[in-house]
Amino acid sequence: MSESAGGSPTQVAGSDASGIQPTARLLWLACHRDPDPVAVARALDAGADPSLAVAAAVGHRVAGLLWRAIEAAGAIDALGEHRPRLEQAVEVQRLRELLLVPRALELAVTPLVEAGLEPLVLKGPAVAARYPGTGLRPFDDLDLLLPRQAHAKAEALLRKAGWELAQPRARDRYDSVLVHGSLPDMPLELHYALEAWYDRASSLRAEDLWARRRPLELFGVPAFGLPVADELVVLCAHAAKPYHGFARLVWVADLAMILGGASEEGEEVDWERVRGLAVEGRCVTAVAAALSLAALAGADSPPALRALPQKGWRGEALRRLAEGEWVFRGAPPIHLRFALADDRRRRLALLIGYTHPMPGFQGLQWRLGTAGHAVRRWRDLRERAAGSRRP
């Protein structure tokens, strides 16, 4: 496990968020499957900033979870003038889930299933169904996955069912985007892969995931989802994507809800299966980082699966991530984009792919400048090592 992660591992216990400043601690407590009202009240009493907490909760898509936690602690009044903003966000989420999500799934999934296709529902509604209440897990679109060879047929079926093509598939993309006139706020992303080449940080394969689908019912609509072990690994890898970098707390809350729900239902998670999938998919570091953060939200997992690289720039970047204070930052730091990838060749590809949206000359200039800095840094380290060996 540690060899796959790269470098010497450090154990990240992360069993609670007691060492985090009060406002961040309040957010982490809210992400527990069953938040402790006493601990929530203590975080508020310790100086948690309602303005900062509400803004972060809305931005991280955990508004419903924060409201639930503070309400359970009997401390809604502590929100003061910021209560309306949080309450409005929560109400919008509830209405979307009650009124929009079932209709969206019916319009997107049913035409495909009736035609003999079996679309795998990723993220969004599949995860929301595992939350313990309505409107606790917002999402902006539907993600369906089918094999590449079925993509054209699925697209045609959806267009016949009233969907319109908003963004066609392309060589540098892995999906097409469709919209429906009766669902103005719920686009459909029809996937045949998990990411584009320039953002691929793991070896997870869409075809393998689709092959392991299983039937389930989501919001009353027959569909297909993943077994728990597969779903956990996919969600970990998704949160750790180069352009995500755990930028949303809700992606960590997803893991806490799934693991907490499995525990409540007496469903034993096949952790050996999780480990095997992470190794096979070359996303060991992503899984370790995600589970370490999920532990801050009260989700239990084997310590060995939370072992992170300790040495060098990767160790420093991942250590800062695992501390849990990142919930107030903006975009993830660029070095985290590469630190979460297991494979050196994959990091090099990500370095090249980082410039994909840039104009040609600007991208070349950025790559040359970065390469020059890396060479100078390597020489400096060699000289220091040689000096330390001299008598």
Protein backbone atom coordinates (compact mmCIF):
# COMPACT_ATOMS: atom_id res chain seq x y z
CA MET A 1 0.00 0.00 0.00
CA SER A 2 2.68 2.50 0.99
CA GLU A 3 4.79 1.70 -2.08
CA SER A 4 1.88 2.40 -4.37
CA ALA A 5 1.30 5.74 -2.68
CA GLY A 6 4.89 6.73 -3.27
CA GLY A 7 7.47 7.57 -0.62
CA SER A 8 7.29 6.67 3.04
CA PRO A 9 3.76 6.80 4.42
CA THR A 10 2.62 8.78 7.39
CA GLN A 11 -0.38 7.68 9.38
CA VAL A 12 -3.22 10.17 9.30
CA ALA A 13 -5.58 9.26 12.11
CA GLY A 14 -8.03 12.11 11.56
CA SER A 15 -10.59 10.65 13.97
CA ASP A 16 -12.02 14.05 14.85
CA ALA A 17 -11.75 17.75 14.09
CA SER A 18 -10.96 18.91 17.64
CA GLY A 19 -7.67 20.53 16.64
CA ILE A 20 -9.22 22.73 13.96
CA GLN A 21 -10.24 26.33 14.58
CA PRO A 22 -13.92 26.69 15.65
CA THR A 23 -15.52 27.76 12.33
CA ALA A 24 -13.84 24.98 10.36
CA ARG A 25 -14.62 22.53 13.14
CA LEU A 26 -18.30 23.48 12.92
CA LEU A 27 -18.34 22.65 9.20
CA TRP A 28 -16.63 19.31 9.72
CA LEU A 29 -19.06 18.42 12.51
CA ALA A 30 -21.97 19.25 10.20
CA CYS A 31 -20.66 16.68 7.71
CA HIS A 32 -21.03 13.80 10.18
CA ARG A 33 -23.72 11.30 9.32
CA ASP A 34 -25.13 11.88 12.81
CA PRO A 35 -23.72 15.19 14.10
CA ASP A 36 -23.23 15.55 17.85
CA PRO A 37 -25.42 18.47 19.08
CA VAL A 38 -23.18 19.06 22.10
CA ALA A 39 -20.03 19.29 19.96
CA VAL A 40 -21.81 21.63 17.55
CA ALA A 41 -22.89 23.90 20.40
CA ARG A 42 -19.34 23.91 21.76
CA ALA A 43 -17.94 24.96 18.39
CA LEU A 44 -20.40 27.86 18.31
CA ASP A 45 -19.57 28.83 21.89
CA ALA A 46 -15.85 28.65 21.10
CA GLY A 47 -16.19 31.45 18.58
CA ALA A 48 -17.30 29.95 15.27
CA ASP A 49 -18.06 32.84 12.91
CA PRO A 50 -21.67 32.55 11.59
CA SER A 51 -20.93 34.76 8.58
CA LEU A 52 -17.90 32.72 7.53
CA ALA A 53 -19.61 29.40 8.29
CA VAL A 54 -22.71 30.21 6.23
CA ALA A 55 -20.70 31.53 3.28
CA ALA A 56 -18.45 28.46 3.32
CA ALA A 57 -21.38 26.06 3.70
CA VAL A 58 -23.17 27.53 0.69
CA GLY A 59 -19.98 27.53 -1.37
CA HIS A 60 -19.07 23.97 -0.37
CA ARG A 61 -22.65 22.73 -1.01
CA VAL A 62 -23.22 21.66 2.61
CA ALA A 63 -25.81 24.30 3.53
CA GLY A 64 -28.41 21.65 4.37
CA LEU A 65 -25.95 19.77 6.55
CA LEU A 66 -24.97 22.92 8.48
CA TRP A 67 -28.61 23.86 9.06
CA ARG A 68 -29.41 20.33 10.24
CA ALA A 69 -26.49 20.33 12.69
CA ILE A 70 -27.22 23.76 14.17
CA GLU A 71 -30.93 23.03 14.39
CA ALA A 72 -30.20 19.76 16.23
CA ALA A 73 -28.08 21.75 18.69
CA GLY A 74 -30.99 24.14 19.27
CA ALA A 75 -28.80 27.05 18.20
CA ILE A 76 -30.45 28.44 15.06
CA ASP A 77 -30.58 31.86 16.67
CA ALA A 78 -26.77 31.86 16.75
CA LEU A 79 -26.84 32.49 13.00
CA GLY A 80 -28.25 35.96 13.62
CA GLU A 81 -28.60 38.05 10.47
CA HIS A 82 -27.07 35.24 8.39
CA ARG A 83 -29.97 32.87 9.07
CA PRO A 84 -32.06 33.93 6.00
CA ARG A 85 -29.24 33.19 3.57
CA LEU A 86 -28.71 29.68 4.92
CA GLU A 87 -32.42 29.00 5.24
CA GLN A 88 -33.06 30.06 1.66
CA ALA A 89 -30.26 27.84 0.32
CA VAL A 90 -31.67 24.89 2.25
CA GLU A 91 -35.22 25.47 1.00
CA VAL A 92 -34.07 25.69 -2.62
CA GLN A 93 -32.21 22.39 -2.25
CA ARG A 94 -35.26 20.68 -0.76
CA LEU A 95 -37.57 21.88 -3.51
CA ARG A 96 -35.13 20.83 -6.23
CA GLU A 97 -34.90 17.33 -4.81
CA LEU A 98 -38.65 16.99 -4.32
CA LEU A 99 -39.81 18.50 -7.60
CA LEU A 100 -36.97 18.44 -10.10
CA VAL A 101 -34.81 15.39 -9.46
CA PRO A 102 -37.43 12.61 -9.89
CA ARG A 103 -38.66 14.24 -13.11
CA ALA A 104 -35.12 14.66 -14.42
CA LEU A 105 -34.26 11.02 -13.76
CA GLU A 106 -37.46 9.84 -15.40
CA LEU A 107 -36.81 11.89 -18.54
CA ALA A 108 -33.14 10.91 -18.75
CA VAL A 109 -32.96 7.30 -17.59
CA THR A 110 -36.31 5.77 -18.54
CA PRO A 111 -36.02 6.22 -22.35
CA LEU A 112 -32.63 4.51 -22.28
CA VAL A 113 -33.73 1.63 -20.06
CA GLU A 114 -36.87 1.03 -22.14
CA ALA A 115 -34.65 0.77 -25.24
CA GLY A 116 -32.51 -1.91 -23.63
CA LEU A 117 -29.61 0.29 -22.52
CA GLU A 118 -28.47 0.26 -18.91
CA PRO A 119 -27.04 3.67 -17.96
CA LEU A 120 -24.91 3.87 -14.86
CA VAL A 121 -25.86 6.85 -12.69
CA LEU A 122 -22.76 8.52 -11.29
CA LYS A 123 -22.46 10.92 -8.33
CA GLY A 124 -25.42 13.34 -7.97
CA PRO A 125 -28.68 11.44 -7.39
CA ALA A 126 -26.91 8.15 -6.66
CA VAL A 127 -25.13 9.78 -3.72
CA ALA A 128 -28.05 12.00 -2.66
CA ALA A 129 -30.17 8.89 -2.17
CA ARG A 130 -27.74 7.77 0.55
CA TYR A 131 -28.18 10.93 2.63
CA PRO A 132 -30.49 10.70 5.67
CA GLY A 133 -32.80 13.57 4.69
CA THR A 134 -34.31 15.53 1.81
CA GLY A 135 -32.29 18.32 0.23
CA LEU A 136 -29.07 17.56 2.08
CA ARG A 137 -27.06 16.76 -1.06
CA PRO A 138 -27.44 19.31 -3.88
CA PHE A 139 -26.18 18.70 -7.40
CA ASP A 140 -26.40 20.69 -10.60
CA ASP A 141 -26.62 18.03 -13.31
CA LEU A 142 -27.15 14.36 -14.09
CA ASP A 143 -24.19 12.16 -14.97
CA LEU A 144 -24.94 8.98 -16.91
CA LEU A 145 -22.32 6.55 -18.16
CA LEU A 146 -22.63 4.14 -21.07
CA PRO A 147 -20.00 2.37 -23.19
CA ARG A 148 -18.57 4.38 -26.06
CA GLN A 149 -20.25 2.14 -28.64
CA ALA A 150 -23.68 2.91 -27.14
CA HIS A 151 -23.15 6.67 -26.94
CA ALA A 152 -24.56 7.62 -30.35
CA LYS A 153 -27.65 5.46 -29.86
CA ALA A 154 -28.25 6.88 -26.39
CA GLU A 155 -27.87 10.41 -27.67
CA ALA A 156 -30.40 9.76 -30.43
CA LEU A 157 -32.88 8.23 -27.97
CA LEU A 158 -32.58 11.19 -25.64
CA ARG A 159 -33.08 13.70 -28.43
CA LYS A 160 -36.19 11.78 -29.49
CA ALA A 161 -37.39 12.05 -25.87
CA GLY A 162 -37.14 15.84 -25.94
CA TRP A 163 -33.53 16.49 -24.99
CA GLU A 164 -31.50 18.92 -27.08
CA LEU A 165 -27.77 18.68 -27.70
CA ALA A 166 -26.07 21.64 -26.01
CA GLN A 167 -22.47 20.49 -26.35
CA PRO A 168 -21.45 17.62 -28.64
CA ARG A 169 -18.71 15.18 -27.84
CA ALA A 170 -15.26 16.09 -29.09
CA ARG A 171 -11.76 14.62 -29.31
CA ASP A 172 -10.66 16.42 -26.15
CA ARG A 173 -13.84 15.66 -24.19
CA TYR A 174 -15.39 12.55 -22.70
CA ASP A 175 -19.10 13.33 -22.83
CA SER A 176 -21.86 15.22 -24.54
CA VAL A 177 -24.19 17.64 -22.75
CA LEU A 178 -27.95 17.73 -23.32
CA VAL A 179 -30.68 19.99 -21.95
CA HIS A 180 -34.44 19.59 -21.69
CA GLY A 181 -36.99 22.38 -22.04
CA SER A 182 -38.85 21.34 -18.90
CA LEU A 183 -35.65 21.04 -16.87
CA PRO A 184 -33.89 24.39 -17.34
CA ASP A 185 -31.63 23.91 -14.33
CA MET A 186 -30.69 20.24 -14.75
CA PRO A 187 -28.46 19.48 -17.75
CA LEU A 188 -27.53 15.89 -18.58
CA GLU A 189 -23.92 14.84 -19.10
CA LEU A 190 -23.79 11.62 -21.11
CA HIS A 191 -20.37 10.08 -20.44
CA TYR A 192 -18.40 7.42 -22.26
CA ALA A 193 -15.21 8.05 -20.23
CA LEU A 194 -14.32 9.52 -16.84
CA GLU A 195 -11.99 12.33 -17.86
CA ALA A 196 -10.02 13.79 -20.77
CA TRP A 197 -6.38 12.81 -21.34
CA TYR A 198 -5.04 16.10 -19.99
CA ASP A 199 -6.82 15.65 -16.63
CA ARG A 200 -6.42 11.89 -16.18
CA ALA A 201 -4.81 11.29 -12.78
CA SER A 202 -5.80 7.62 -12.34
CA SER A 203 -6.22 4.45 -14.38
CA LEU A 204 -9.89 3.90 -13.55
CA ARG A 205 -11.73 2.80 -16.68
CA ALA A 206 -15.30 3.72 -17.49
CA GLU A 207 -15.87 0.36 -19.21
CA ASP A 208 -14.87 -1.55 -16.07
CA LEU A 209 -17.19 0.50 -13.89
CA TRP A 210 -20.12 0.07 -16.25
CA ALA A 211 -19.51 -3.68 -16.32
CA ARG A 212 -19.94 -3.78 -12.52
CA ARG A 213 -23.26 -1.91 -12.51
CA ARG A 214 -26.18 -3.24 -10.56
CA PRO A 215 -29.90 -2.39 -10.72
CA LEU A 216 -31.35 -0.04 -8.15
CA GLU A 217 -34.14 2.47 -7.72
CA LEU A 218 -33.37 6.18 -7.43
CA PHE A 219 -36.19 8.50 -6.37
CA GLY A 220 -38.70 5.97 -7.68
CA VAL A 221 -36.98 5.53 -11.05
CA PRO A 222 -35.39 2.17 -12.05
CA ALA A 223 -31.71 2.78 -12.79
CA PHE A 224 -28.23 1.34 -12.31
CA GLY A 225 -25.57 2.15 -9.73
CA LEU A 226 -22.29 0.86 -8.34
CA PRO A 227 -21.50 -1.50 -5.46
CA VAL A 228 -20.32 0.32 -2.33
CA ALA A 229 -16.59 -0.43 -2.75
CA ASP A 230 -16.56 0.76 -6.36
CA GLU A 231 -18.59 3.83 -5.51
CA LEU A 232 -16.21 4.81 -2.71
CA VAL A 233 -13.15 4.58 -4.96
CA VAL A 234 -14.85 6.50 -7.77
CA LEU A 235 -15.92 9.27 -5.39
CA CYS A 236 -12.44 9.49 -3.88
CA ALA A 237 -10.86 9.75 -7.32
CA HIS A 238 -13.46 12.29 -8.43
CA ALA A 239 -12.81 14.57 -5.44
CA ALA A 240 -9.06 14.32 -6.10
CA LYS A 241 -9.27 15.13 -9.81
CA PRO A 242 -6.62 17.67 -10.86
CA TYR A 243 -9.17 20.41 -11.40
CA HIS A 244 -11.06 19.53 -8.20
CA GLY A 245 -8.37 19.02 -5.56
CA PHE A 246 -11.03 18.54 -2.84
CA ALA A 247 -12.28 22.07 -3.49
CA ARG A 248 -15.77 21.18 -2.18
CA LEU A 249 -16.49 19.85 1.27
CA VAL A 250 -19.60 18.05 0.00
CA TRP A 251 -17.37 15.50 -1.76
CA VAL A 252 -15.98 14.49 1.63
CA ALA A 253 -19.45 14.52 3.19
CA ASP A 254 -20.52 12.01 0.52
CA LEU A 255 -18.06 9.48 1.91
CA ALA A 256 -19.19 10.10 5.48
CA MET A 257 -22.83 9.57 4.49
CA ILE A 258 -22.14 6.38 2.54
CA LEU A 259 -19.95 4.84 5.24
CA GLY A 260 -22.23 5.97 8.04
CA GLY A 261 -25.27 4.63 6.24
CA ALA A 262 -23.58 1.28 5.63
CA SER A 263 -22.77 1.05 9.33
CA GLU A 264 -26.36 1.88 10.33
CA GLU A 265 -27.72 -0.81 8.01
CA GLY A 266 -25.20 -3.41 9.16
CA GLU A 267 -23.61 -3.52 5.70
CA GLU A 268 -19.95 -4.45 5.94
CA VAL A 269 -17.70 -2.54 3.56
CA ASP A 270 -15.27 -4.77 1.69
CA TRP A 271 -12.14 -2.77 2.50
CA GLU A 272 -9.87 -5.28 0.82
CA ARG A 273 -11.89 -4.72 -2.33
CA VAL A 274 -11.47 -0.95 -1.90
CA ARG A 275 -7.72 -1.39 -1.54
CA GLY A 276 -7.54 -3.64 -4.61
CA LEU A 277 -9.56 -1.21 -6.74
CA ALA A 278 -7.35 1.70 -5.61
CA VAL A 279 -4.18 -0.18 -6.51
CA GLU A 280 -5.58 -1.36 -9.84
CA GLY A 281 -6.81 2.15 -10.65
CA ARG A 282 -3.57 3.80 -9.51
CA CYS A 283 -5.44 6.14 -7.20
CA VAL A 284 -4.08 4.96 -3.85
CA THR A 285 -3.08 8.47 -2.79
CA ALA A 286 -6.45 9.90 -3.79
CA VAL A 287 -8.26 7.24 -1.74
CA ALA A 288 -5.94 7.77 1.25
CA ALA A 289 -6.44 11.54 1.15
CA ALA A 290 -10.20 11.27 0.78
CA LEU A 291 -10.58 8.75 3.60
CA SER A 292 -8.32 10.84 5.83
CA LEU A 293 -10.58 13.82 5.29
CA ALA A 294 -13.70 11.67 5.70
CA ALA A 295 -12.35 10.68 9.12
CA LEU A 296 -12.61 14.36 10.10
CA ALA A 297 -16.30 14.00 9.27
CA GLY A 298 -16.64 10.97 11.53
CA ALA A 299 -16.27 8.23 8.89
CA ASP A 300 -14.29 5.21 10.04
CA SER A 301 -11.94 3.33 7.72
CA PRO A 302 -8.87 1.09 8.10
CA PRO A 303 -5.78 3.13 9.12
CA ALA A 304 -3.66 1.46 6.43
CA LEU A 305 -5.91 2.91 3.73
CA ARG A 306 -5.28 6.42 5.08
CA ALA A 307 -1.48 6.23 4.80
CA LEU A 308 -0.17 9.23 2.84
CA PRO A 309 3.29 9.98 1.42
CA GLN A 310 5.36 11.85 3.99
CA LYS A 311 8.53 12.96 2.25
CA GLY A 312 9.25 15.86 -0.06
CA TRP A 313 6.85 18.26 -1.71
CA ARG A 314 4.11 15.63 -1.96
CA GLY A 315 4.26 14.92 1.73
CA GLU A 316 4.02 18.62 2.59
CA ALA A 317 1.11 19.24 0.20
CA LEU A 318 -0.87 16.25 1.45
CA ARG A 319 -0.11 17.01 5.09
CA ARG A 320 -1.65 20.46 4.69
CA LEU A 321 -4.67 18.98 2.94
CA ALA A 322 -5.26 16.44 5.71
CA GLU A 323 -5.21 19.14 8.41
CA GLY A 324 -8.68 20.24 7.34
CA GLU A 325 -8.25 24.02 7.35
CA TRP A 326 -8.44 24.17 3.53
CA VAL A 327 -12.22 24.68 3.67
CA PHE A 328 -11.71 28.46 3.54
CA ARG A 329 -9.31 28.60 0.61
CA GLY A 330 -10.26 29.32 -2.98
CA ALA A 331 -9.03 27.15 -5.79
CA PRO A 332 -6.74 24.22 -4.83
CA PRO A 333 -3.00 25.03 -5.02
CA ILE A 334 -1.38 23.87 -8.24
CA HIS A 335 1.05 21.50 -6.51
CA LEU A 336 -1.89 19.51 -5.12
CA ARG A 337 -2.88 18.78 -8.73
CA PHE A 338 0.25 16.64 -9.04
CA ALA A 339 0.67 15.46 -5.44
CA LEU A 340 -2.52 13.39 -5.56
CA ALA A 341 -1.40 11.38 -8.61
CA ASP A 342 0.39 8.10 -7.83
CA ASP A 343 2.39 7.70 -11.01
CA ARG A 344 5.31 9.95 -12.07
CA ARG A 345 4.45 9.56 -15.74
CA ARG A 346 0.92 10.60 -14.97
CA ARG A 347 2.22 13.70 -13.18
CA LEU A 348 4.24 14.57 -16.27
CA ALA A 349 1.14 14.17 -18.44
CA LEU A 350 -0.80 16.38 -16.05
CA LEU A 351 1.96 18.98 -16.27
CA ILE A 352 1.63 18.99 -20.05
CA GLY A 353 -2.15 18.86 -19.87
CA TYR A 354 -2.27 21.83 -17.50
CA THR A 355 -1.67 24.11 -20.48
CA HIS A 356 -4.37 22.50 -22.65
CA PRO A 357 -6.78 25.48 -22.47
CA MET A 358 -3.96 27.99 -23.04
CA PRO A 359 -3.06 29.45 -26.45
CA GLY A 360 -0.20 27.53 -28.11
CA PHE A 361 2.64 29.97 -27.43
CA GLN A 362 1.51 30.72 -23.88
CA GLY A 363 1.33 27.00 -23.09
CA LEU A 364 4.80 26.35 -24.51
CA GLN A 365 6.22 29.29 -22.56
CA TRP A 366 4.65 27.99 -19.33
CA ARG A 367 6.01 24.47 -19.87
CA LEU A 368 9.54 25.70 -20.64
CA GLY A 369 9.55 27.97 -17.61
CA THR A 370 8.33 25.19 -15.33
CA ALA A 371 10.86 22.71 -16.75
CA GLY A 372 13.68 25.24 -16.24
CA HIS A 373 12.69 25.76 -12.63
CA ALA A 374 12.57 21.99 -12.07
CA VAL A 375 16.07 21.53 -13.54
CA ARG A 376 17.51 24.30 -11.37
CA ARG A 377 15.84 22.84 -8.29
CA TRP A 378 17.21 19.35 -9.11
CA ARG A 379 20.75 20.70 -9.52
CA ASP A 380 20.49 22.58 -6.24
CA LEU A 381 19.41 19.45 -4.41
CA ARG A 382 22.27 17.44 -5.99
CA GLU A 383 24.83 20.02 -4.93
CA ARG A 384 23.51 20.04 -1.38
CA ALA A 385 23.60 16.24 -1.24
CA ALA A 386 27.18 16.17 -2.62
CA GLY A 387 28.28 18.81 -0.08
CA SER A 388 26.83 16.82 2.81
CA ARG A 389 28.90 13.76 1.76
CA ARG A 390 32.23 15.63 1.74
CA PRO A 391 34.45 15.02 4.79
